């Protein structure tokens, strides 16, 4: 079971985001460019927008799917950049080269820690993979699926 929620009240997994919560969500940059990425954001109720934790700049949401972060996760992830990753209700995508179709991993294919390890093994055979992408993948899986996968 993953920890994905939706900002849309029409979705069955809807959850209200309060002004004190931090989320991991797909965003476009502050210029609204087409490329989206995963980023740690917080909700500013007084201004009614999400802002990226690293820059404090408002961001455009690129998805309704988000992961609610606890304080430890928010602190840990706020220094990470997940520029190559996107997340939706069905898949985690790794964008390796701009303009090329991202590598897609179905969330339903990950049920336990063993599946994460199988994906790490599979990804490590790819010639485009880097140590940083593997580390970020493991970190994201630990949060999305609430596994203890410390690296």
C-alpha atoms as a PDB file:
ATOM      1  CA  UNK A   1       0.000   0.000   0.000  1.00  0.00           C
ATOM      2  CA  UNK A   2       1.531   3.303  -1.014  1.00  0.00           C
ATOM      3  CA  UNK A   3       1.173   6.659   0.727  1.00  0.00           C
ATOM      4  CA  UNK A   4      -0.144   8.572  -2.295  1.00  0.00           C
ATOM      5  CA  UNK A   5      -3.018  10.977  -1.743  1.00  0.00           C
ATOM      6  CA  UNK A   6      -4.895  13.330  -4.023  1.00  0.00           C
ATOM      7  CA  UNK A   7      -5.611  17.055  -3.728  1.00  0.00           C
ATOM      8  CA  UNK A   8      -8.803  16.585  -5.717  1.00  0.00           C
ATOM      9  CA  UNK A   9     -11.906  15.978  -3.621  1.00  0.00           C
ATOM     10  CA  UNK A  10     -13.231  13.899  -6.536  1.00  0.00           C
ATOM     11  CA  UNK A  11     -10.557  11.274  -5.897  1.00  0.00           C
ATOM     12  CA  UNK A  12     -11.284   8.454  -3.438  1.00  0.00           C
ATOM     13  CA  UNK A  13      -7.944   8.927  -1.707  1.00  0.00           C
ATOM     14  CA  UNK A  14      -8.508  12.665  -1.112  1.00  0.00           C
ATOM     15  CA  UNK A  15      -6.876  14.189   1.940  1.00  0.00           C
ATOM     16  CA  UNK A  16      -6.948  17.820   3.035  1.00  0.00           C
ATOM     17  CA  UNK A  17      -3.510  19.438   3.274  1.00  0.00           C
ATOM     18  CA  UNK A  18      -3.240  21.751   6.245  1.00  0.00           C
ATOM     19  CA  UNK A  19      -0.955  24.771   6.414  1.00  0.00           C
ATOM     20  CA  UNK A  20       1.471  22.960   8.711  1.00  0.00           C
ATOM     21  CA  UNK A  21       2.090  19.978   6.437  1.00  0.00           C
ATOM     22  CA  UNK A  22       4.837  19.291   3.956  1.00  0.00           C
ATOM     23  CA  UNK A  23       4.323  17.208   0.841  1.00  0.00           C
ATOM     24  CA  UNK A  24       6.325  15.590  -1.936  1.00  0.00           C
ATOM     25  CA  UNK A  25       4.574  16.444  -5.201  1.00  0.00           C
ATOM     26  CA  UNK A  26       5.171  16.901  -8.943  1.00  0.00           C
ATOM     27  CA  UNK A  27       5.694  20.573  -9.740  1.00  0.00           C
ATOM     28  CA  UNK A  28       6.683  22.741 -12.649  1.00  0.00           C
ATOM     29  CA  UNK A  29       9.299  25.369 -12.026  1.00  0.00           C
ATOM     30  CA  UNK A  30       8.365  28.938 -11.028  1.00  0.00           C
ATOM     31  CA  UNK A  31       8.306  29.916 -14.720  1.00  0.00           C
ATOM     32  CA  UNK A  32       5.736  27.214 -15.483  1.00  0.00           C
ATOM     33  CA  UNK A  33       8.051  25.318 -17.853  1.00  0.00           C
ATOM     34  CA  UNK A  34       6.863  21.999 -19.273  1.00  0.00           C
ATOM     35  CA  UNK A  35       9.388  19.847 -17.416  1.00  0.00           C
ATOM     36  CA  UNK A  36       8.071  18.686 -14.105  1.00  0.00           C
ATOM     37  CA  UNK A  37       9.925  17.168 -11.163  1.00  0.00           C
ATOM     38  CA  UNK A  38       9.274  15.876  -7.703  1.00  0.00           C
ATOM     39  CA  UNK A  39       9.824  18.502  -5.039  1.00  0.00           C
ATOM     40  CA  UNK A  40       9.299  18.954  -1.322  1.00  0.00           C
ATOM     41  CA  UNK A  41       6.707  21.698  -0.868  1.00  0.00           C
ATOM     42  CA  UNK A  42       4.660  23.259   1.872  1.00  0.00           C
ATOM     43  CA  UNK A  43       1.254  24.870   1.697  1.00  0.00           C
ATOM     44  CA  UNK A  44       1.017  28.565   2.541  1.00  0.00           C
ATOM     45  CA  UNK A  45      -2.603  29.015   3.651  1.00  0.00           C
ATOM     46  CA  UNK A  46      -2.392  32.801   3.939  1.00  0.00           C
ATOM     47  CA  UNK A  47      -1.405  33.114   0.264  1.00  0.00           C
ATOM     48  CA  UNK A  48      -3.175  29.936  -0.895  1.00  0.00           C
ATOM     49  CA  UNK A  49      -0.225  28.438  -2.805  1.00  0.00           C
ATOM     50  CA  UNK A  50       2.378  25.703  -2.556  1.00  0.00           C
ATOM     51  CA  UNK A  51       6.015  26.729  -2.265  1.00  0.00           C
ATOM     52  CA  UNK A  52       9.173  24.707  -2.757  1.00  0.00           C
ATOM     53  CA  UNK A  53      11.065  24.212   0.508  1.00  0.00           C
ATOM     54  CA  UNK A  54      14.516  24.789  -0.987  1.00  0.00           C
ATOM     55  CA  UNK A  55      13.684  28.126  -2.609  1.00  0.00           C
ATOM     56  CA  UNK A  56      10.488  29.301  -0.840  1.00  0.00           C
ATOM     57  CA  UNK A  57       9.193  30.232  -4.309  1.00  0.00           C
ATOM     58  CA  UNK A  58       5.618  29.441  -5.350  1.00  0.00           C
ATOM     59  CA  UNK A  59       5.329  26.467  -7.684  1.00  0.00           C
ATOM     60  CA  UNK A  60       2.802  25.275 -10.225  1.00  0.00           C
ATOM     61  CA  UNK A  61       1.417  21.871  -9.332  1.00  0.00           C
ATOM     62  CA  UNK A  62       1.730  19.356 -12.141  1.00  0.00           C
ATOM     63  CA  UNK A  63      -0.289  16.611 -10.479  1.00  0.00           C
ATOM     64  CA  UNK A  64      -2.924  16.043  -7.852  1.00  0.00           C
ATOM     65  CA  UNK A  65      -0.989  13.074  -6.436  1.00  0.00           C
ATOM     66  CA  UNK A  66       1.162  13.823  -3.435  1.00  0.00           C
ATOM     67  CA  UNK A  67       2.839  12.159  -0.485  1.00  0.00           C
ATOM     68  CA  UNK A  68       2.347  13.591   2.962  1.00  0.00           C
ATOM     69  CA  UNK A  69       5.704  13.863   4.738  1.00  0.00           C
ATOM     70  CA  UNK A  70       6.398  13.668   8.435  1.00  0.00           C
ATOM     71  CA  UNK A  71       8.859  16.120   9.977  1.00  0.00           C
ATOM     72  CA  UNK A  72      11.856  13.789   9.689  1.00  0.00           C
ATOM     73  CA  UNK A  73      11.101  13.018   6.034  1.00  0.00           C
ATOM     74  CA  UNK A  74      10.634  16.692   5.225  1.00  0.00           C
ATOM     75  CA  UNK A  75      13.963  17.602   6.817  1.00  0.00           C
ATOM     76  CA  UNK A  76      15.756  14.720   5.074  1.00  0.00           C
ATOM     77  CA  UNK A  77      14.257  15.370   1.659  1.00  0.00           C
ATOM     78  CA  UNK A  78      14.390  19.169   1.672  1.00  0.00           C
ATOM     79  CA  UNK A  79      18.077  19.039   0.700  1.00  0.00           C
ATOM     80  CA  UNK A  80      17.448  16.517  -2.108  1.00  0.00           C
ATOM     81  CA  UNK A  81      16.660  17.369  -5.687  1.00  0.00           C
ATOM     82  CA  UNK A  82      14.437  14.898  -7.503  1.00  0.00           C
ATOM     83  CA  UNK A  83      14.705  16.595 -10.907  1.00  0.00           C
ATOM     84  CA  UNK A  84      14.709  13.280 -12.773  1.00  0.00           C
ATOM     85  CA  UNK A  85      11.633  11.775 -11.079  1.00  0.00           C
ATOM     86  CA  UNK A  86       7.880  12.123 -11.511  1.00  0.00           C
ATOM     87  CA  UNK A  87       5.203  10.299  -9.572  1.00  0.00           C
ATOM     88  CA  UNK A  88       1.546   9.619 -10.235  1.00  0.00           C
ATOM     89  CA  UNK A  89      -1.055   7.185  -8.913  1.00  0.00           C
ATOM     90  CA  UNK A  90       0.215   4.364 -11.135  1.00  0.00           C
ATOM     91  CA  UNK A  91       3.928   4.823 -11.715  1.00  0.00           C
ATOM     92  CA  UNK A  92       7.263   6.315 -10.813  1.00  0.00           C
ATOM     93  CA  UNK A  93       9.041   7.704 -13.855  1.00  0.00           C
ATOM     94  CA  UNK A  94      12.748   8.356 -14.238  1.00  0.00           C
ATOM     95  CA  UNK A  95      13.642  10.948 -16.852  1.00  0.00           C
ATOM     96  CA  UNK A  96      17.163  10.268 -18.082  1.00  0.00           C
ATOM     97  CA  UNK A  97      17.454  12.440 -21.186  1.00  0.00           C
ATOM     98  CA  UNK A  98      15.283  15.486 -21.808  1.00  0.00           C
ATOM     99  CA  UNK A  99      12.891  14.957 -24.685  1.00  0.00           C
ATOM    100  CA  UNK A 100      13.108  11.152 -24.439  1.00  0.00           C
ATOM    101  CA  UNK A 101      10.314   9.022 -22.990  1.00  0.00           C
ATOM    102  CA  UNK A 102      10.972   8.486 -19.254  1.00  0.00           C
ATOM    103  CA  UNK A 103      11.668   5.026 -17.826  1.00  0.00           C
ATOM    104  CA  UNK A 104       8.482   3.923 -16.099  1.00  0.00           C
ATOM    105  CA  UNK A 105       8.141   1.681 -13.032  1.00  0.00           C
ATOM    106  CA  UNK A 106       4.636   0.524 -12.165  1.00  0.00           C
ATOM    107  CA  UNK A 107       3.837   1.104  -8.499  1.00  0.00           C
ATOM    108  CA  UNK A 108       1.834  -2.123  -8.459  1.00  0.00           C
ATOM    109  CA  UNK A 109       5.081  -4.028  -9.133  1.00  0.00           C
ATOM    110  CA  UNK A 110       6.416  -2.987  -5.711  1.00  0.00           C
ATOM    111  CA  UNK A 111       4.727  -4.759  -2.831  1.00  0.00           C
ATOM    112  CA  UNK A 112       7.584  -5.200  -0.370  1.00  0.00           C
ATOM    113  CA  UNK A 113      11.278  -4.516   0.246  1.00  0.00           C
ATOM    114  CA  UNK A 114      12.281  -7.486  -1.891  1.00  0.00           C
ATOM    115  CA  UNK A 115      10.585  -5.893  -4.911  1.00  0.00           C
ATOM    116  CA  UNK A 116      12.548  -2.687  -4.324  1.00  0.00           C
ATOM    117  CA  UNK A 117      15.765  -4.714  -4.252  1.00  0.00           C
ATOM    118  CA  UNK A 118      14.755  -6.456  -7.506  1.00  0.00           C
ATOM    119  CA  UNK A 119      14.185  -3.057  -9.128  1.00  0.00           C
ATOM    120  CA  UNK A 120      17.566  -1.805  -7.868  1.00  0.00           C
ATOM    121  CA  UNK A 121      19.192  -4.898  -9.381  1.00  0.00           C
ATOM    122  CA  UNK A 122      17.299  -4.374 -12.653  1.00  0.00           C
ATOM    123  CA  UNK A 123      18.075  -0.641 -12.825  1.00  0.00           C
ATOM    124  CA  UNK A 124      21.766  -1.197 -12.065  1.00  0.00           C
ATOM    125  CA  UNK A 125      22.078  -3.154 -15.330  1.00  0.00           C
ATOM    126  CA  UNK A 126      21.078  -0.068 -17.350  1.00  0.00           C
ATOM    127  CA  UNK A 127      23.920   1.892 -18.936  1.00  0.00           C
ATOM    128  CA  UNK A 128      22.265   5.247 -18.110  1.00  0.00           C
ATOM    129  CA  UNK A 129      21.865   4.616 -14.387  1.00  0.00           C
ATOM    130  CA  UNK A 130      23.945   6.484 -11.823  1.00  0.00           C
ATOM    131  CA  UNK A 131      24.586   5.900  -8.149  1.00  0.00           C
ATOM    132  CA  UNK A 132      22.619   9.054  -7.349  1.00  0.00           C
ATOM    133  CA  UNK A 133      19.547   7.857  -9.266  1.00  0.00           C
ATOM    134  CA  UNK A 134      19.647   4.507  -7.424  1.00  0.00           C
ATOM    135  CA  UNK A 135      19.953   6.269  -4.053  1.00  0.00           C
ATOM    136  CA  UNK A 136      17.063   8.609  -4.865  1.00  0.00           C
ATOM    137  CA  UNK A 137      14.966   5.670  -6.085  1.00  0.00           C
ATOM    138  CA  UNK A 138      15.522   3.813  -2.801  1.00  0.00           C
ATOM    139  CA  UNK A 139      14.749   6.941  -0.789  1.00  0.00           C
ATOM    140  CA  UNK A 140      11.539   7.575  -2.753  1.00  0.00           C
ATOM    141  CA  UNK A 141      10.423   3.945  -2.349  1.00  0.00           C
ATOM    142  CA  UNK A 142      10.991   4.140   1.388  1.00  0.00           C
ATOM    143  CA  UNK A 143       8.626   7.119   1.543  1.00  0.00           C
ATOM    144  CA  UNK A 144       6.039   6.101  -1.061  1.00  0.00           C
ATOM    145  CA  UNK A 145       5.655   2.616   0.426  1.00  0.00           C
ATOM    146  CA  UNK A 146       6.543   3.421   4.032  1.00  0.00           C
ATOM    147  CA  UNK A 147       9.439   0.917   4.066  1.00  0.00           C
ATOM    148  CA  UNK A 148      12.478   1.290   6.271  1.00  0.00           C
ATOM    149  CA  UNK A 149      15.122   1.358   3.535  1.00  0.00           C
ATOM    150  CA  UNK A 150      17.888   3.468   5.016  1.00  0.00           C
ATOM    151  CA  UNK A 151      20.845   4.032   2.722  1.00  0.00           C
END
